[in-house]
Protein backbone atom coordinates (compact mmCIF):
# COMPACT_ATOMS: atom_id res chain seq x y z
CA MET A 1 -1.68 5.08 -4.32
CA ARG A 2 -0.70 5.92 -0.73
CA ASP A 3 1.75 8.47 -1.56
CA VAL A 4 -0.22 10.22 -4.53
CA LYS A 5 -1.28 13.99 -3.59
CA LEU A 6 -3.61 16.30 -5.29
CA ASP A 7 -0.55 18.78 -5.82
CA ASP A 8 1.35 15.62 -7.55
CA MET A 9 -1.39 15.40 -10.33
CA ASP A 10 -0.44 18.99 -11.74
CA LEU A 11 2.56 17.40 -12.56
CA PRO A 12 2.91 15.63 -16.48
CA PHE A 13 2.43 12.04 -16.23
CA GLU A 14 5.69 11.09 -17.48
CA GLU A 15 7.51 13.28 -14.66
CA ARG A 16 5.43 11.33 -11.99
CA TRP A 17 6.25 7.92 -13.53
CA GLU A 18 9.91 8.87 -14.05
CA ASN A 19 10.22 9.98 -10.14
CA LEU A 20 8.10 7.03 -8.62
CA THR A 21 10.36 5.92 -5.61
CA LEU A 22 10.40 2.73 -3.78
CA ALA A 23 8.06 4.17 -1.33
CA ASN A 24 5.27 4.30 -3.88
CA ASP A 25 3.22 1.01 -3.44
CA PHE A 26 3.13 0.33 -7.14
CA MET A 27 6.38 0.46 -7.50
CA PHE A 28 7.20 -1.31 -4.19
CA GLY A 29 4.96 -4.38 -5.55
CA LYS A 30 6.80 -4.17 -8.87
CA VAL A 31 10.30 -4.30 -7.34
CA PHE A 32 9.64 -7.20 -5.05
CA GLN A 33 7.87 -9.01 -7.79
CA ASP A 34 11.40 -10.24 -7.94
CA LEU A 35 11.87 -13.40 -5.63
CA ASP A 36 15.32 -13.08 -4.86
CA LEU A 37 14.86 -9.33 -3.86
CA CYS A 38 11.76 -10.40 -1.80
CA LEU A 39 13.54 -12.98 0.04
CA GLU A 40 16.46 -11.09 0.63
CA LEU A 41 14.22 -8.53 2.18
CA ILE A 42 12.06 -10.77 4.62
CA ARG A 43 15.61 -12.26 5.48
CA LEU A 44 16.77 -8.48 6.66
CA ILE A 45 13.43 -8.12 8.71
CA LEU A 46 13.37 -11.75 10.08
CA PRO A 47 16.95 -13.06 10.43
CA GLU A 48 15.73 -14.92 13.25
CA LEU A 49 13.58 -16.97 11.01
CA HIS A 50 16.28 -18.36 8.76
CA ILE A 51 13.97 -18.26 5.79
CA GLU A 52 15.49 -20.50 2.71
CA ARG A 53 13.13 -19.85 0.08
CA ILE A 54 9.49 -18.42 -0.54
CA THR A 55 7.14 -21.13 -1.91
CA LEU A 56 4.38 -18.99 -2.76
CA HIS A 57 4.50 -15.20 -3.61
CA GLU A 58 1.87 -12.73 -5.09
CA ARG A 59 1.78 -9.11 -5.18
CA GLN A 60 -1.42 -6.69 -4.94
CA LYS A 61 -2.98 -10.10 -3.79
CA ALA A 62 -6.88 -9.24 -3.50
CA VAL A 63 -8.65 -11.36 -0.74
CA HIS A 64 -12.42 -11.63 -0.36
CA GLU A 65 -13.35 -9.12 -2.99
CA THR A 66 -17.09 -9.71 -3.69
CA LEU A 67 -19.94 -7.86 -5.29
CA ASP A 68 -21.06 -6.91 -1.67
CA THR A 69 -17.66 -6.24 0.00
CA LYS A 70 -14.71 -4.43 -1.03
CA GLY A 71 -11.99 -7.01 0.42
CA VAL A 72 -8.43 -6.28 0.88
CA ARG A 73 -5.51 -5.99 -1.48
CA PHE A 74 -2.20 -6.76 -0.11
CA ASP A 75 0.88 -5.30 -1.34
CA VAL A 76 3.27 -8.26 -1.15
CA TYR A 77 1.81 -11.80 0.11
CA LEU A 78 4.16 -14.82 0.46
CA HIS A 79 4.68 -18.33 1.88
CA ASP A 80 7.96 -19.12 3.15
CA ASP A 81 9.37 -22.83 3.30
CA LYS A 82 7.93 -23.37 6.80
CA GLY A 83 4.44 -22.74 5.97
CA ARG A 84 4.47 -19.18 7.56
CA ILE A 85 2.42 -16.46 5.80
CA ILE A 86 3.99 -13.23 5.33
CA ASN A 87 2.06 -9.95 4.51
CA ILE A 88 4.17 -6.79 3.71
CA GLU A 89 2.58 -3.42 3.21
CA ILE A 90 4.16 -0.07 2.35
CA GLN A 91 2.38 2.85 4.24
CA ILE A 92 3.63 6.70 3.69
CA VAL A 93 0.33 8.70 5.19
CA ASN A 94 -0.72 8.03 8.67
CA LYS A 95 -4.39 7.45 8.53
CA ASP A 96 -4.72 6.84 12.21
CA ASN A 97 -6.26 3.38 11.34
CA ILE A 98 -3.24 1.19 11.04
CA PRO A 99 -3.45 -0.98 14.37
CA ARG A 100 -7.04 -1.79 13.52
CA ARG A 101 -5.98 -2.69 9.90
CA THR A 102 -3.38 -5.24 11.12
CA ARG A 103 -6.34 -6.87 13.14
CA ALA A 104 -8.29 -6.97 10.17
CA TYR A 105 -5.37 -8.30 7.87
CA HIS A 106 -4.83 -11.02 10.34
CA SER A 107 -8.23 -11.96 10.26
CA ILE A 108 -8.51 -12.06 6.34
CA ILE A 109 -5.19 -14.16 6.19
CA ASP A 110 -6.38 -16.61 8.76
CA LEU A 111 -9.98 -16.81 7.04
CA GLU A 112 -8.24 -17.24 3.69
CA ALA A 113 -5.91 -20.12 5.13
CA ILE A 114 -9.01 -21.93 6.52
CA SER A 115 -11.12 -21.59 3.18
CA ALA A 116 -8.15 -23.17 1.27
CA GLY A 117 -9.54 -26.37 2.80
CA LYS A 118 -6.02 -27.46 4.04
CA ILE A 119 -6.28 -26.66 7.74
CA ARG A 120 -8.46 -29.40 9.53
CA ARG A 121 -7.37 -28.42 13.19
CA TYR A 122 -6.57 -25.55 15.13
CA GLN A 123 -3.07 -26.52 15.67
CA ASP A 124 -2.63 -26.32 11.87
CA MET A 125 -3.34 -22.86 11.63
CA PRO A 126 -0.03 -21.25 9.99
CA GLU A 127 2.12 -18.61 11.84
CA VAL A 128 1.28 -15.44 10.21
CA ILE A 129 3.55 -12.24 10.04
CA VAL A 130 1.92 -8.97 8.85
CA ILE A 131 4.71 -6.23 8.38
CA PHE A 132 4.08 -2.58 7.92
CA ILE A 133 6.88 -0.47 6.67
CA CYS A 134 5.92 2.92 7.46
CA ALA A 135 7.19 6.54 6.51
CA PHE A 136 6.55 7.85 9.88
CA ASP A 137 6.73 6.94 13.41
CA LEU A 138 3.56 5.28 14.64
CA PHE A 139 4.50 5.22 18.09
CA GLY A 140 6.65 8.25 18.75
CA GLN A 141 9.53 6.41 20.43
CA GLY A 142 12.19 6.72 17.93
CA ARG A 143 12.63 2.79 17.11
CA HIS A 144 13.24 1.47 13.77
CA VAL A 145 11.16 -1.82 14.74
CA TYR A 146 8.31 -2.38 16.47
CA THR A 147 7.14 -5.80 17.16
CA PHE A 148 4.11 -7.03 18.78
CA ARG A 149 2.55 -10.34 19.86
CA ASN A 150 -0.33 -11.18 22.10
CA ALA A 151 0.82 -11.09 25.91
CA CYS A 152 -0.92 -11.04 29.33
CA ALA A 153 -1.67 -7.90 30.51
CA GLU A 154 -0.85 -9.24 34.25
CA ASP A 155 2.49 -10.72 33.13
CA SER A 156 4.09 -9.35 29.78
CA ARG A 157 6.43 -12.35 29.69
CA LEU A 158 3.87 -14.63 29.24
CA THR A 159 2.87 -14.78 25.60
CA LEU A 160 -0.34 -16.25 24.19
CA ASP A 161 1.80 -18.26 21.32
CA ASP A 162 -1.16 -18.29 18.83
CA GLY A 163 1.17 -17.69 15.99
CA ALA A 164 0.15 -14.17 15.25
CA LYS A 165 2.73 -11.30 14.89
CA THR A 166 2.81 -7.69 13.66
CA ILE A 167 5.83 -5.51 13.11
CA PHE A 168 6.30 -1.78 12.12
CA LEU A 169 9.28 -0.84 10.49
CA ASN A 170 10.03 3.03 10.82
CA THR A 171 11.98 4.79 8.14
CA LYS A 172 12.18 7.71 10.32
CA GLY A 173 13.78 5.52 13.17
CA LYS A 174 16.72 7.05 15.33
CA ALA A 175 17.70 4.17 17.46
CA ASP A 176 20.84 1.94 16.82
CA GLU A 177 18.80 -1.24 17.11
CA ILE A 178 18.71 -2.70 13.53
CA SER A 179 21.44 -3.98 11.08
CA PRO A 180 23.27 -1.73 8.72
CA ARG A 181 21.70 -3.33 6.02
CA LEU A 182 18.28 -2.91 7.23
CA LYS A 183 18.94 0.82 7.92
CA ALA A 184 20.11 1.42 4.54
CA PHE A 185 16.97 -0.25 3.18
CA LEU A 186 14.89 1.90 5.28
CA GLU A 187 16.94 5.34 4.34
CA LEU A 188 16.31 4.30 0.61
CA LEU A 189 12.54 4.39 0.98
CA ASN A 190 13.43 8.06 2.44
CA GLY A 191 15.26 8.89 -0.77
CA LYS A 192 18.92 8.25 0.56
CA SER A 193 21.30 6.00 -1.49
CA SER A 194 24.44 4.26 -0.46
CA ASP A 195 27.01 1.87 -1.52
CA ASP A 196 25.05 -1.14 0.01
CA ASP A 197 24.60 -4.13 -2.56
CA PHE A 198 21.00 -4.70 -1.46
CA VAL A 199 20.23 -1.08 -2.12
CA LYS A 200 22.27 -0.90 -5.46
CA ARG A 201 20.15 -4.00 -6.72
CA LEU A 202 16.66 -2.33 -5.67
CA GLU A 203 17.77 0.73 -7.49
CA ARG A 204 18.40 -1.35 -10.69
CA ARG A 205 15.36 -3.13 -10.05
CA MET A 206 13.57 0.43 -10.03
CA SER A 207 15.39 1.38 -13.11
CA TYR A 208 14.06 -1.51 -15.12
CA ALA A 209 10.46 -0.99 -13.89
CA ARG A 210 10.37 2.59 -15.09
CA GLN A 211 11.42 1.30 -18.56
CA ASN A 212 8.63 -1.58 -18.73
CA LEU A 213 6.03 0.09 -20.83
CA TYR A 214 3.32 -2.30 -19.80
CA TRP A 215 3.93 -1.18 -15.99
CA ARG A 216 3.89 2.27 -17.20
CA GLN A 217 0.61 1.64 -18.57
CA GLU A 218 -0.61 -0.21 -15.80
CA TYR A 219 -0.06 2.51 -13.23
CA MET A 220 -1.69 5.07 -15.37
CA TRP A 221 -4.82 3.17 -15.39
CA ASN A 222 -4.53 2.13 -11.75
CA MET A 223 -4.21 6.28 -11.23
CA PHE A 224 -7.51 6.59 -12.92
CA GLU A 225 -9.56 3.50 -11.64
CA ARG A 226 -8.79 4.35 -7.93
CA ASN A 227 -10.01 7.84 -8.28
CA GLU A 228 -8.18 9.01 -5.45
CA TYR A 229 -8.80 12.78 -6.44
CA ILE A 230 -12.34 11.90 -6.53
CA ASP A 231 -12.37 10.68 -3.18
CA GLU A 232 -10.60 13.73 -2.04
CA GLY A 233 -13.22 15.63 -3.80
CA ILE A 234 -15.75 14.22 -1.97
CA ALA A 235 -14.00 14.60 1.56
CA ILE A 236 -13.41 18.42 0.66
CA GLY A 237 -17.27 18.42 -0.03
CA GLU A 238 -18.31 16.84 3.15
CA GLU A 239 -16.18 19.12 5.19
CA ARG A 240 -17.54 22.09 3.66
CA GLY A 241 -21.18 20.73 4.23
CA ILE A 242 -20.23 20.21 7.71
CA ALA A 243 -18.95 23.91 8.05
CA ILE A 244 -22.57 24.93 6.81
CA GLY A 245 -23.99 22.89 9.76
CA GLU A 246 -26.90 21.49 7.75
CA GLU A 247 -27.37 18.02 6.21
CA ARG A 248 -28.56 19.82 2.70
CA GLY A 249 -25.02 21.30 2.88
CA ILE A 250 -23.51 18.00 3.43
CA ALA A 251 -25.13 16.76 0.40
CA ILE A 252 -24.60 19.60 -1.86
CA GLY A 253 -20.86 19.63 -0.73
CA GLU A 254 -20.48 15.99 -1.70
CA GLU A 255 -22.26 16.57 -5.10
CA ARG A 256 -19.90 19.47 -5.83
CA GLY A 257 -16.67 17.94 -4.65
CA MET A 258 -17.41 14.91 -6.86
CA HIS A 259 -18.30 16.78 -9.72
CA THR A 260 -15.33 19.05 -9.42
CA ALA A 261 -12.93 16.07 -8.80
CA ASN A 262 -14.47 14.30 -11.99
CA ILE A 263 -14.17 17.38 -14.18
CA GLU A 264 -9.99 17.25 -12.73
CA THR A 265 -9.82 13.98 -13.43
CA ALA A 266 -11.35 14.02 -16.92
CA GLN A 267 -8.83 16.87 -17.93
CA ARG A 268 -6.04 14.65 -16.76
CA MET A 269 -7.07 11.97 -18.93
CA ARG A 270 -7.56 14.18 -22.14
CA GLN A 271 -4.07 15.23 -21.36
CA ALA A 272 -2.78 11.50 -21.20
CA GLY A 273 -4.49 11.11 -24.77
CA MET A 274 -7.64 8.97 -23.56
CA SER A 275 -10.86 9.26 -25.89
CA ASP A 276 -14.10 10.75 -24.74
CA ILE A 277 -15.38 7.20 -24.63
CA GLU A 278 -12.64 6.17 -21.84
CA ILE A 279 -13.17 9.17 -20.22
CA HIS A 280 -16.80 8.58 -20.25
CA LYS A 281 -16.48 5.03 -18.66
CA LEU A 282 -14.30 6.24 -15.80
CA THR A 283 -15.92 9.56 -14.79
CA LEU A 284 -19.42 8.97 -15.76
CA LEU A 285 -19.31 12.63 -17.06
CA PRO A 286 -22.05 13.12 -19.87
CA PHE A 287 -20.52 13.43 -23.27
CA GLU A 288 -21.82 16.95 -23.74
CA ASP A 289 -19.74 17.83 -20.50
CA ILE A 290 -16.77 16.06 -21.66
CA ARG A 291 -16.76 18.03 -24.90
CA ASN A 292 -17.30 21.50 -23.44
CA LEU A 293 -15.02 21.41 -20.37
CA LEU A 294 -12.09 20.09 -22.08
CA GLN A 295 -12.08 22.06 -24.90
């Protein structure tokens, strides 16, 4: 999850689960699995399009995942009644790669549309709108909304009209350029409730999600499968290795970071009640290490 930090892993699982907010991508996907809420959200973000209904709706849609490629997993992916494809992503941490990620997302969505076999001419390419909801101001201008289209460098009034649009919503915006209802939604992502009807419905949906035992189990498994703290351990190992200034130091740092992260992961899995076999499958730690380290 994009908003999970190593410090959070020290909290009991139940406490983490009960405190998930809409800014968490897992909770975001579950909440907007509700078609009515999803439709209302895109109407708030794109009122000028007068979208009447959603014809295809998927959360955590996996695209082009193969044995040799990682692929992309979209948070919310839908088609509207005009054939437009809309992808919504929630982003908590600025990893300095979002503009190029949007370029990749547009390309992957286009390729997916072509692969479906329904596009026979270039003019049949659907309009694609990629929306990033960010808990930070990516462009530093204080706006709540930044909308990008391909435009002529010599005359910005001349647009390419290629059907591609990218929108960045900033929950930390200060400008007064959006509707009160959209602002209330963005403030909810910052943890601020309100009397807005849409916000209240979202809060009820979040309460329902927390009581769903199947989703609770799915969240737990996702945490272990994603191995985010293992990735963090590798990063720490790389950083320490680079500080030594030798390639061998980097290799040692990676190995130790991975091992330390695996042990920490195994400890938390044991606390969650998982068996030695399940822990071994997910961490690849030897059974002897699991028994010795987790006693």
